[in-house]
Amino acid sequence: MIRHILVVFTAIITTCNIMAQQKIIQTAGREALGKFAPEFARLNDDVLFGEVWSRNDLLSLRDRSLITVTTLVAQGITDSSLTYHLREARKNGITRTEISETLTHIAFYAGWPKAWAAFRLAKDVWADDVAGTDGKAEHQRSIIFPIGEPNTAFAKYFTGNSYLAPISNEQVQFFNVTFAPGCRNHWHIHRASTGGGQMLVGVGGRGWYQEEGKPAVEIRPGTVIHIPANVKHWHGAAADSWFSHLAFEIPGEATANEWLEPVSDNEYEKLK
């Protein structure tokens, strides 16, 4: 019996030892102030980012980005530090539509001029993003399955925004998983002593599937991907397209999902 509730992955995530917590590596403090103020640089790189930002088991990077952007705008800090955190917010999955709504909301509490200043920076950071809400709505019209709700329970294992819709809970349980442009899950392994693994069926847009040590495979509507148990892999959307696939878990013994490191921007950006 297939017992797993959340798509792209096998059921119950065993425990926190499944995946070591992702640690943020920061060097900006030492590069800018290492000689002039070495202790401040250490606190910035090793404590603020290396410890506080790395506690993503308590708050996701996406949540921390929203909190940081809001705090900076509220204080009227609209210099290069806000630009940096807006870029990080986008990297951590905040869409153009979401940052626009966030800054609009901030304007009523922190001040209209502050929001205007922040919008000028945000407009540049998201200048090449033409997806937004219209892109999501257009993608929904192009597929027969619902996009569903934000996949918040597993957001810390994704780069970008994903959505989950249960399709069947009887006989064979499966889900539709939707990825916003550029969204992908982390490298992971479907562990099983016998049987196990996963099958993906592309239903809309364009995406990628890659096993460790092998070239990435493009997924289009109708593409079927068979993922063996105990094989390291990832899957997600192309950078310029919304993407949806159905996910079917294969029954097995001693099944568990092992989450690993994120797919780096460098390796992802090589895919066209």
C-alpha atoms as a PDB file:
ATOM      1  CA  MET A   1       0.000   0.000   0.000  1.00  0.00           C
ATOM      2  CA  ILE A   2       1.334   3.382  -0.926  1.00  0.00           C
ATOM      3  CA  ARG A   3       1.463   5.388   2.284  1.00  0.00           C
ATOM      4  CA  HIS A   4       3.106   8.577   1.193  1.00  0.00           C
ATOM      5  CA  ILE A   5       1.239  11.807   1.340  1.00  0.00           C
ATOM      6  CA  LEU A   6       3.542  14.320  -0.257  1.00  0.00           C
ATOM      7  CA  VAL A   7       4.487  13.929  -3.846  1.00  0.00           C
ATOM      8  CA  VAL A   8       7.838  14.058  -5.158  1.00  0.00           C
ATOM      9  CA  PHE A   9       9.024  12.048  -2.301  1.00  0.00           C
ATOM     10  CA  THR A  10       8.390   8.985  -0.295  1.00  0.00           C
ATOM     11  CA  ALA A  11       6.253   9.139   2.732  1.00  0.00           C
ATOM     12  CA  ILE A  12       7.024  10.114   6.160  1.00  0.00           C
ATOM     13  CA  ILE A  13      10.308  11.874   6.474  1.00  0.00           C
ATOM     14  CA  THR A  14      11.950   9.779   9.083  1.00  0.00           C
ATOM     15  CA  THR A  15      13.774  12.188  11.404  1.00  0.00           C
ATOM     16  CA  CYS A  16      15.966  15.212  11.398  1.00  0.00           C
ATOM     17  CA  ASN A  17      19.042  13.052  10.825  1.00  0.00           C
ATOM     18  CA  ILE A  18      17.801  12.373   7.328  1.00  0.00           C
ATOM     19  CA  MET A  19      19.431  15.539   6.096  1.00  0.00           C
ATOM     20  CA  ALA A  20      22.124  17.670   7.663  1.00  0.00           C
ATOM     21  CA  GLN A  21      20.906  21.218   8.023  1.00  0.00           C
ATOM     22  CA  GLN A  22      21.966  23.424   5.140  1.00  0.00           C
ATOM     23  CA  LYS A  23      24.598  25.889   6.331  1.00  0.00           C
ATOM     24  CA  ILE A  24      24.883  29.371   4.860  1.00  0.00           C
ATOM     25  CA  ILE A  25      28.413  30.292   3.831  1.00  0.00           C
ATOM     26  CA  GLN A  26      29.062  34.043   3.888  1.00  0.00           C
ATOM     27  CA  THR A  27      32.334  35.886   3.214  1.00  0.00           C
ATOM     28  CA  ALA A  28      31.123  39.438   2.524  1.00  0.00           C
ATOM     29  CA  GLY A  29      32.094  40.691   5.989  1.00  0.00           C
ATOM     30  CA  ARG A  30      35.689  39.521   5.739  1.00  0.00           C
ATOM     31  CA  GLU A  31      35.995  40.741   2.154  1.00  0.00           C
ATOM     32  CA  ALA A  32      34.739  44.246   3.003  1.00  0.00           C
ATOM     33  CA  LEU A  33      35.919  44.751   6.585  1.00  0.00           C
ATOM     34  CA  GLY A  34      38.247  41.872   7.390  1.00  0.00           C
ATOM     35  CA  LYS A  35      41.303  44.046   7.980  1.00  0.00           C
ATOM     36  CA  PHE A  36      39.539  47.131   9.337  1.00  0.00           C
ATOM     37  CA  ALA A  37      37.093  45.396  11.706  1.00  0.00           C
ATOM     38  CA  PRO A  38      37.912  41.679  11.839  1.00  0.00           C
ATOM     39  CA  GLU A  39      35.620  40.907  14.805  1.00  0.00           C
ATOM     40  CA  PHE A  40      32.624  42.600  13.183  1.00  0.00           C
ATOM     41  CA  ALA A  41      33.388  40.689   9.978  1.00  0.00           C
ATOM     42  CA  ARG A  42      33.513  37.416  11.919  1.00  0.00           C
ATOM     43  CA  LEU A  43      30.193  38.121  13.638  1.00  0.00           C
ATOM     44  CA  ASN A  44      28.583  38.997  10.300  1.00  0.00           C
ATOM     45  CA  ASP A  45      29.849  35.941   8.424  1.00  0.00           C
ATOM     46  CA  ASP A  46      29.976  33.254  11.102  1.00  0.00           C
ATOM     47  CA  VAL A  47      27.212  34.224  13.538  1.00  0.00           C
ATOM     48  CA  LEU A  48      24.578  36.206  11.627  1.00  0.00           C
ATOM     49  CA  PHE A  49      24.749  34.081   8.475  1.00  0.00           C
ATOM     50  CA  GLY A  50      26.622  30.982   9.610  1.00  0.00           C
ATOM     51  CA  GLU A  51      24.383  30.427  12.656  1.00  0.00           C
ATOM     52  CA  VAL A  52      21.184  32.523  12.611  1.00  0.00           C
ATOM     53  CA  TRP A  53      20.396  32.287   8.879  1.00  0.00           C
ATOM     54  CA  SER A  54      21.407  28.614   8.926  1.00  0.00           C
ATOM     55  CA  ARG A  55      18.681  27.664  11.421  1.00  0.00           C
ATOM     56  CA  ASN A  56      16.337  26.797   8.540  1.00  0.00           C
ATOM     57  CA  ASP A  57      14.773  23.970  10.530  1.00  0.00           C
ATOM     58  CA  LEU A  58      13.071  26.711  12.585  1.00  0.00           C
ATOM     59  CA  LEU A  59      12.387  29.291   9.859  1.00  0.00           C
ATOM     60  CA  SER A  60      12.893  28.672   6.148  1.00  0.00           C
ATOM     61  CA  LEU A  61      15.265  30.865   4.134  1.00  0.00           C
ATOM     62  CA  ARG A  62      12.187  32.172   2.356  1.00  0.00           C
ATOM     63  CA  ASP A  63      10.623  33.328   5.650  1.00  0.00           C
ATOM     64  CA  ARG A  64      13.898  34.884   6.824  1.00  0.00           C
ATOM     65  CA  SER A  65      14.169  36.804   3.554  1.00  0.00           C
ATOM     66  CA  LEU A  66      10.662  38.248   3.954  1.00  0.00           C
ATOM     67  CA  ILE A  67      11.383  39.235   7.549  1.00  0.00           C
ATOM     68  CA  THR A  68      14.695  40.871   6.628  1.00  0.00           C
ATOM     69  CA  VAL A  69      13.325  42.817   3.660  1.00  0.00           C
ATOM     70  CA  THR A  70      10.395  44.054   5.747  1.00  0.00           C
ATOM     71  CA  THR A  71      12.666  45.158   8.590  1.00  0.00           C
ATOM     72  CA  LEU A  72      15.077  47.012   6.304  1.00  0.00           C
ATOM     73  CA  VAL A  73      12.294  48.843   4.455  1.00  0.00           C
ATOM     74  CA  ALA A  74      10.591  49.760   7.728  1.00  0.00           C
ATOM     75  CA  GLN A  75      13.834  51.403   8.867  1.00  0.00           C
ATOM     76  CA  GLY A  76      14.185  53.273   5.584  1.00  0.00           C
ATOM     77  CA  ILE A  77      17.314  51.322   4.608  1.00  0.00           C
ATOM     78  CA  THR A  78      17.115  51.247   0.815  1.00  0.00           C
ATOM     79  CA  ASP A  79      20.789  51.042  -0.101  1.00  0.00           C
ATOM     80  CA  SER A  80      22.917  48.159  -1.392  1.00  0.00           C
ATOM     81  CA  SER A  81      22.071  46.039   1.650  1.00  0.00           C
ATOM     82  CA  LEU A  82      18.386  45.994   0.665  1.00  0.00           C
ATOM     83  CA  THR A  83      19.336  45.185  -2.937  1.00  0.00           C
ATOM     84  CA  TYR A  84      21.380  42.242  -1.664  1.00  0.00           C
ATOM     85  CA  HIS A  85      18.509  40.931   0.440  1.00  0.00           C
ATOM     86  CA  LEU A  86      16.005  41.403  -2.388  1.00  0.00           C
ATOM     87  CA  ARG A  87      18.270  39.271  -4.586  1.00  0.00           C
ATOM     88  CA  GLU A  88      18.486  36.664  -1.843  1.00  0.00           C
ATOM     89  CA  ALA A  89      14.699  36.785  -1.451  1.00  0.00           C
ATOM     90  CA  ARG A  90      14.271  35.989  -5.124  1.00  0.00           C
ATOM     91  CA  LYS A  91      16.845  33.192  -4.859  1.00  0.00           C
ATOM     92  CA  ASN A  92      14.940  31.853  -1.846  1.00  0.00           C
ATOM     93  CA  GLY A  93      11.701  31.584  -3.810  1.00  0.00           C
ATOM     94  CA  ILE A  94       9.935  34.949  -3.481  1.00  0.00           C
ATOM     95  CA  THR A  95       8.150  35.705  -6.751  1.00  0.00           C
ATOM     96  CA  ARG A  96       7.671  39.083  -8.414  1.00  0.00           C
ATOM     97  CA  THR A  97       3.990  39.009  -7.497  1.00  0.00           C
ATOM     98  CA  GLU A  98       4.772  38.189  -3.862  1.00  0.00           C
ATOM     99  CA  ILE A  99       7.414  40.915  -3.418  1.00  0.00           C
ATOM    100  CA  SER A 100       5.040  43.433  -5.000  1.00  0.00           C
ATOM    101  CA  GLU A 101       2.271  42.495  -2.566  1.00  0.00           C
ATOM    102  CA  THR A 102       4.723  42.474   0.365  1.00  0.00           C
ATOM    103  CA  LEU A 103       5.977  45.996  -0.386  1.00  0.00           C
ATOM    104  CA  THR A 104       2.423  47.237  -0.920  1.00  0.00           C
ATOM    105  CA  HIS A 105       1.459  45.881   2.500  1.00  0.00           C
ATOM    106  CA  ILE A 106       4.580  47.416   4.105  1.00  0.00           C
ATOM    107  CA  ALA A 107       3.721  50.815   2.635  1.00  0.00           C
ATOM    108  CA  PHE A 108       0.644  51.180   4.868  1.00  0.00           C
ATOM    109  CA  TYR A 109       2.640  50.454   8.034  1.00  0.00           C
ATOM    110  CA  ALA A 110       6.152  51.745   7.345  1.00  0.00           C
ATOM    111  CA  GLY A 111       5.450  54.665   5.019  1.00  0.00           C
ATOM    112  CA  TRP A 112       4.701  55.303   1.352  1.00  0.00           C
ATOM    113  CA  PRO A 113       8.075  56.928   0.464  1.00  0.00           C
ATOM    114  CA  LYS A 114       9.959  53.937   1.911  1.00  0.00           C
ATOM    115  CA  ALA A 115       7.914  51.555  -0.200  1.00  0.00           C
ATOM    116  CA  TRP A 116       8.501  53.663  -3.316  1.00  0.00           C
ATOM    117  CA  ALA A 117      12.250  53.489  -2.734  1.00  0.00           C
ATOM    118  CA  ALA A 118      12.092  49.727  -2.198  1.00  0.00           C
ATOM    119  CA  PHE A 119       9.969  49.225  -5.322  1.00  0.00           C
ATOM    120  CA  ARG A 120      12.640  50.918  -7.461  1.00  0.00           C
ATOM    121  CA  LEU A 121      15.185  48.341  -6.284  1.00  0.00           C
ATOM    122  CA  ALA A 122      12.801  45.369  -6.477  1.00  0.00           C
ATOM    123  CA  LYS A 123      11.796  46.282 -10.031  1.00  0.00           C
ATOM    124  CA  ASP A 124      15.432  45.896 -11.101  1.00  0.00           C
ATOM    125  CA  VAL A 125      15.951  42.635  -9.210  1.00  0.00           C
ATOM    126  CA  TRP A 126      12.886  41.029 -10.827  1.00  0.00           C
ATOM    127  CA  ALA A 127      13.327  42.823 -14.172  1.00  0.00           C
ATOM    128  CA  ASP A 128      13.578  39.599 -16.204  1.00  0.00           C
ATOM    129  CA  ASP A 129      10.673  37.855 -14.431  1.00  0.00           C
ATOM    130  CA  VAL A 130       7.609  37.894 -16.609  1.00  0.00           C
ATOM    131  CA  ALA A 131       5.917  34.908 -14.981  1.00  0.00           C
ATOM    132  CA  GLY A 132       4.174  36.248 -11.888  1.00  0.00           C
ATOM    133  CA  THR A 133       0.527  35.481 -11.173  1.00  0.00           C
ATOM    134  CA  ASP A 134      -0.428  35.687 -14.853  1.00  0.00           C
ATOM    135  CA  GLY A 135       2.065  32.936 -15.644  1.00  0.00           C
ATOM    136  CA  LYS A 136       0.617  30.683 -12.963  1.00  0.00           C
ATOM    137  CA  ALA A 137      -2.945  31.267 -14.190  1.00  0.00           C
ATOM    138  CA  GLU A 138      -1.912  30.589 -17.769  1.00  0.00           C
ATOM    139  CA  HIS A 139      -0.193  27.370 -16.724  1.00  0.00           C
ATOM    140  CA  GLN A 140      -3.323  26.249 -14.871  1.00  0.00           C
ATOM    141  CA  ARG A 141      -5.386  26.767 -18.015  1.00  0.00           C
ATOM    142  CA  SER A 142      -2.938  24.604 -19.959  1.00  0.00           C
ATOM    143  CA  ILE A 143      -3.220  21.484 -17.741  1.00  0.00           C
ATOM    144  CA  ILE A 144      -6.149  19.283 -16.734  1.00  0.00           C
ATOM    145  CA  PHE A 145      -5.016  18.761 -13.127  1.00  0.00           C
ATOM    146  CA  PRO A 146      -5.244  21.424 -10.383  1.00  0.00           C
ATOM    147  CA  ILE A 147      -2.082  23.219  -9.275  1.00  0.00           C
ATOM    148  CA  GLY A 148      -3.163  22.956  -5.649  1.00  0.00           C
ATOM    149  CA  GLU A 149      -1.805  24.712  -2.587  1.00  0.00           C
ATOM    150  CA  PRO A 150       1.717  25.938  -1.746  1.00  0.00           C
ATOM    151  CA  ASN A 151       3.893  23.009  -0.685  1.00  0.00           C
ATOM    152  CA  THR A 152       4.879  24.716   2.575  1.00  0.00           C
ATOM    153  CA  ALA A 153       5.579  21.532   4.526  1.00  0.00           C
ATOM    154  CA  PHE A 154       8.508  20.706   2.262  1.00  0.00           C
ATOM    155  CA  ALA A 155       9.553  24.245   1.290  1.00  0.00           C
ATOM    156  CA  LYS A 156      12.942  23.887   3.003  1.00  0.00           C
ATOM    157  CA  TYR A 157      13.811  21.089   0.555  1.00  0.00           C
ATOM    158  CA  PHE A 158      13.117  23.269  -2.497  1.00  0.00           C
ATOM    159  CA  THR A 159      14.733  26.212  -4.230  1.00  0.00           C
ATOM    160  CA  GLY A 160      11.771  28.346  -5.305  1.00  0.00           C
ATOM    161  CA  ASN A 161       8.031  27.825  -4.978  1.00  0.00           C
ATOM    162  CA  SER A 162       6.198  24.543  -5.474  1.00  0.00           C
ATOM    163  CA  TYR A 163       2.543  23.525  -5.204  1.00  0.00           C
ATOM    164  CA  LEU A 164       0.821  20.250  -4.348  1.00  0.00           C
ATOM    165  CA  ALA A 165      -2.562  18.806  -5.372  1.00  0.00           C
ATOM    166  CA  PRO A 166      -3.762  15.320  -4.331  1.00  0.00           C
ATOM    167  CA  ILE A 167      -5.347  13.573  -7.333  1.00  0.00           C
ATOM    168  CA  SER A 168      -6.251  10.152  -5.923  1.00  0.00           C
ATOM    169  CA  ASN A 169      -6.277   8.657  -2.442  1.00  0.00           C
ATOM    170  CA  GLU A 170      -7.808   5.323  -3.462  1.00  0.00           C
ATOM    171  CA  GLN A 171      -6.191   2.234  -5.024  1.00  0.00           C
ATOM    172  CA  VAL A 172      -3.131   4.145  -6.290  1.00  0.00           C
ATOM    173  CA  GLN A 173      -2.332   7.338  -4.435  1.00  0.00           C
ATOM    174  CA  PHE A 174      -0.722  10.070  -6.527  1.00  0.00           C
ATOM    175  CA  PHE A 175      -0.338  13.822  -6.674  1.00  0.00           C
ATOM    176  CA  ASN A 176       0.206  16.648  -9.112  1.00  0.00           C
ATOM    177  CA  VAL A 177       3.285  18.687  -8.253  1.00  0.00           C
ATOM    178  CA  THR A 178       3.776  22.119  -9.823  1.00  0.00           C
ATOM    179  CA  PHE A 179       7.011  24.087  -9.883  1.00  0.00           C
ATOM    180  CA  ALA A 180       7.262  27.825 -10.563  1.00  0.00           C
ATOM    181  CA  PRO A 181       9.928  28.812 -13.124  1.00  0.00           C
ATOM    182  CA  GLY A 182      13.392  28.011 -11.762  1.00  0.00           C
ATOM    183  CA  CYS A 183      12.018  25.942  -8.882  1.00  0.00           C
ATOM    184  CA  ARG A 184      13.618  22.568  -8.191  1.00  0.00           C
ATOM    185  CA  ASN A 185      13.864  20.199  -5.277  1.00  0.00           C
ATOM    186  CA  HIS A 186      17.140  19.322  -3.580  1.00  0.00           C
ATOM    187  CA  TRP A 187      19.165  16.277  -4.461  1.00  0.00           C
ATOM    188  CA  HIS A 188      17.499  13.349  -2.711  1.00  0.00           C
ATOM    189  CA  ILE A 189      17.314   9.556  -2.602  1.00  0.00           C
ATOM    190  CA  HIS A 190      14.271   7.301  -2.247  1.00  0.00           C
ATOM    191  CA  ARG A 191      15.671   4.645   0.050  1.00  0.00           C
ATOM    192  CA  ALA A 192      14.251   1.109   0.100  1.00  0.00           C
ATOM    193  CA  SER A 193      15.574  -2.337   0.972  1.00  0.00           C
ATOM    194  CA  THR A 194      13.387  -3.884  -1.754  1.00  0.00           C
ATOM    195  CA  GLY A 195      11.090  -2.286  -4.330  1.00  0.00           C
ATOM    196  CA  GLY A 196      10.536   1.424  -3.843  1.00  0.00           C
ATOM    197  CA  GLY A 197      11.413   4.350  -6.086  1.00  0.00           C
ATOM    198  CA  GLN A 198       9.119   6.738  -7.905  1.00  0.00           C
ATOM    199  CA  MET A 199       7.532   7.399 -11.299  1.00  0.00           C
ATOM    200  CA  LEU A 200       6.950  10.875 -12.743  1.00  0.00           C
ATOM    201  CA  VAL A 201       4.658  11.775 -15.648  1.00  0.00           C
ATOM    202  CA  GLY A 202       4.954  15.231 -17.195  1.00  0.00           C
ATOM    203  CA  VAL A 203       1.602  16.978 -17.591  1.00  0.00           C
ATOM    204  CA  GLY A 204       2.441  20.605 -18.370  1.00  0.00           C
ATOM    205  CA  GLY A 205       5.251  23.034 -19.115  1.00  0.00           C
ATOM    206  CA  ARG A 206       8.908  22.048 -19.281  1.00  0.00           C
ATOM    207  CA  GLY A 207      11.126  20.611 -16.584  1.00  0.00           C
ATOM    208  CA  TRP A 208      14.234  18.592 -15.824  1.00  0.00           C
ATOM    209  CA  TYR A 209      15.154  15.302 -14.183  1.00  0.00           C
ATOM    210  CA  GLN A 210      18.753  14.399 -13.391  1.00  0.00           C
ATOM    211  CA  GLU A 211      20.496  11.463 -11.749  1.00  0.00           C
ATOM    212  CA  GLU A 212      23.913  11.986 -10.206  1.00  0.00           C
ATOM    213  CA  GLY A 213      26.677  11.543 -12.750  1.00  0.00           C
ATOM    214  CA  LYS A 214      24.303  11.592 -15.743  1.00  0.00           C
ATOM    215  CA  PRO A 215      23.081  14.349 -18.098  1.00  0.00           C
ATOM    216  CA  ALA A 216      19.781  16.030 -17.225  1.00  0.00           C
ATOM    217  CA  VAL A 217      16.687  14.748 -19.060  1.00  0.00           C
ATOM    218  CA  GLU A 218      14.057  17.196 -20.287  1.00  0.00           C
ATOM    219  CA  ILE A 219      10.477  16.483 -19.182  1.00  0.00           C
ATOM    220  CA  ARG A 220       7.591  17.546 -21.419  1.00  0.00           C
ATOM    221  CA  PRO A 221       3.895  16.625 -21.233  1.00  0.00           C
ATOM    222  CA  GLY A 222       3.722  12.861 -21.694  1.00  0.00           C
ATOM    223  CA  THR A 223       7.323  12.174 -20.637  1.00  0.00           C
ATOM    224  CA  VAL A 224       7.552   9.268 -18.189  1.00  0.00           C
ATOM    225  CA  ILE A 225      10.475   9.093 -15.769  1.00  0.00           C
ATOM    226  CA  HIS A 226      11.229   5.915 -13.824  1.00  0.00           C
ATOM    227  CA  ILE A 227      13.327   6.629 -10.713  1.00  0.00           C
ATOM    228  CA  PRO A 228      14.944   3.540  -9.159  1.00  0.00           C
ATOM    229  CA  ALA A 229      15.263   3.256  -5.410  1.00  0.00           C
ATOM    230  CA  ASN A 230      18.582   4.317  -3.827  1.00  0.00           C
ATOM    231  CA  VAL A 231      19.560   6.611  -6.730  1.00  0.00           C
ATOM    232  CA  LYS A 232      20.537  10.238  -6.029  1.00  0.00           C
ATOM    233  CA  HIS A 233      18.552  12.655  -8.213  1.00  0.00           C
ATOM    234  CA  TRP A 234      16.554  15.894  -8.440  1.00  0.00           C
ATOM    235  CA  HIS A 235      13.735  17.284 -10.589  1.00  0.00           C
ATOM    236  CA  GLY A 236      12.072  20.632 -11.186  1.00  0.00           C
ATOM    237  CA  ALA A 237      11.075  23.335 -13.650  1.00  0.00           C
ATOM    238  CA  ALA A 238      13.100  24.873 -16.418  1.00  0.00           C
ATOM    239  CA  ALA A 239      14.236  28.408 -15.671  1.00  0.00           C
ATOM    240  CA  ASP A 240      11.749  29.930 -18.123  1.00  0.00           C
ATOM    241  CA  SER A 241       8.703  27.715 -17.632  1.00  0.00           C
ATOM    242  CA  TRP A 242       6.081  26.636 -15.140  1.00  0.00           C
ATOM    243  CA  PHE A 243       6.108  22.855 -14.874  1.00  0.00           C
ATOM    244  CA  SER A 244       3.819  20.127 -13.504  1.00  0.00           C
ATOM    245  CA  HIS A 245       4.245  16.387 -13.151  1.00  0.00           C
ATOM    246  CA  LEU A 246       2.277  13.585 -11.568  1.00  0.00           C
ATOM    247  CA  ALA A 247       4.226  11.647  -8.928  1.00  0.00           C
ATOM    248  CA  PHE A 248       3.568   7.996  -8.121  1.00  0.00           C
ATOM    249  CA  GLU A 249       5.358   6.298  -5.238  1.00  0.00           C
ATOM    250  CA  ILE A 250       6.369   2.685  -5.826  1.00  0.00           C
ATOM    251  CA  PRO A 251       5.638   0.287  -2.925  1.00  0.00           C
ATOM    252  CA  GLY A 252       8.657  -1.173  -1.162  1.00  0.00           C
ATOM    253  CA  GLU A 253      10.142  -2.280   2.119  1.00  0.00           C
ATOM    254  CA  ALA A 254      11.945   0.036   4.571  1.00  0.00           C
ATOM    255  CA  THR A 255      11.183   3.092   2.443  1.00  0.00           C
ATOM    256  CA  ALA A 256      12.422   6.530   3.512  1.00  0.00           C
ATOM    257  CA  ASN A 257      13.383   9.766   1.796  1.00  0.00           C
ATOM    258  CA  GLU A 258      16.906  11.095   2.270  1.00  0.00           C
ATOM    259  CA  TRP A 259      17.262  14.812   1.557  1.00  0.00           C
ATOM    260  CA  LEU A 260      20.652  16.082   0.507  1.00  0.00           C
ATOM    261  CA  GLU A 261      22.220  19.334  -0.686  1.00  0.00           C
ATOM    262  CA  PRO A 262      20.453  21.872  -2.950  1.00  0.00           C
ATOM    263  CA  VAL A 263      21.125  21.869  -6.682  1.00  0.00           C
ATOM    264  CA  SER A 264      23.621  24.704  -7.042  1.00  0.00           C
ATOM    265  CA  ASP A 265      22.815  27.734  -9.180  1.00  0.00           C
ATOM    266  CA  ASN A 266      25.942  26.984 -11.209  1.00  0.00           C
ATOM    267  CA  GLU A 267      24.899  23.458 -12.230  1.00  0.00           C
ATOM    268  CA  TYR A 268      21.255  24.460 -12.750  1.00  0.00           C
ATOM    269  CA  GLU A 269      22.088  27.417 -14.973  1.00  0.00           C
ATOM    270  CA  LYS A 270      23.951  25.123 -17.373  1.00  0.00           C
ATOM    271  CA  LEU A 271      20.598  23.606 -18.396  1.00  0.00           C
ATOM    272  CA  LYS A 272      18.899  25.217 -21.386  1.00  0.00           C
END
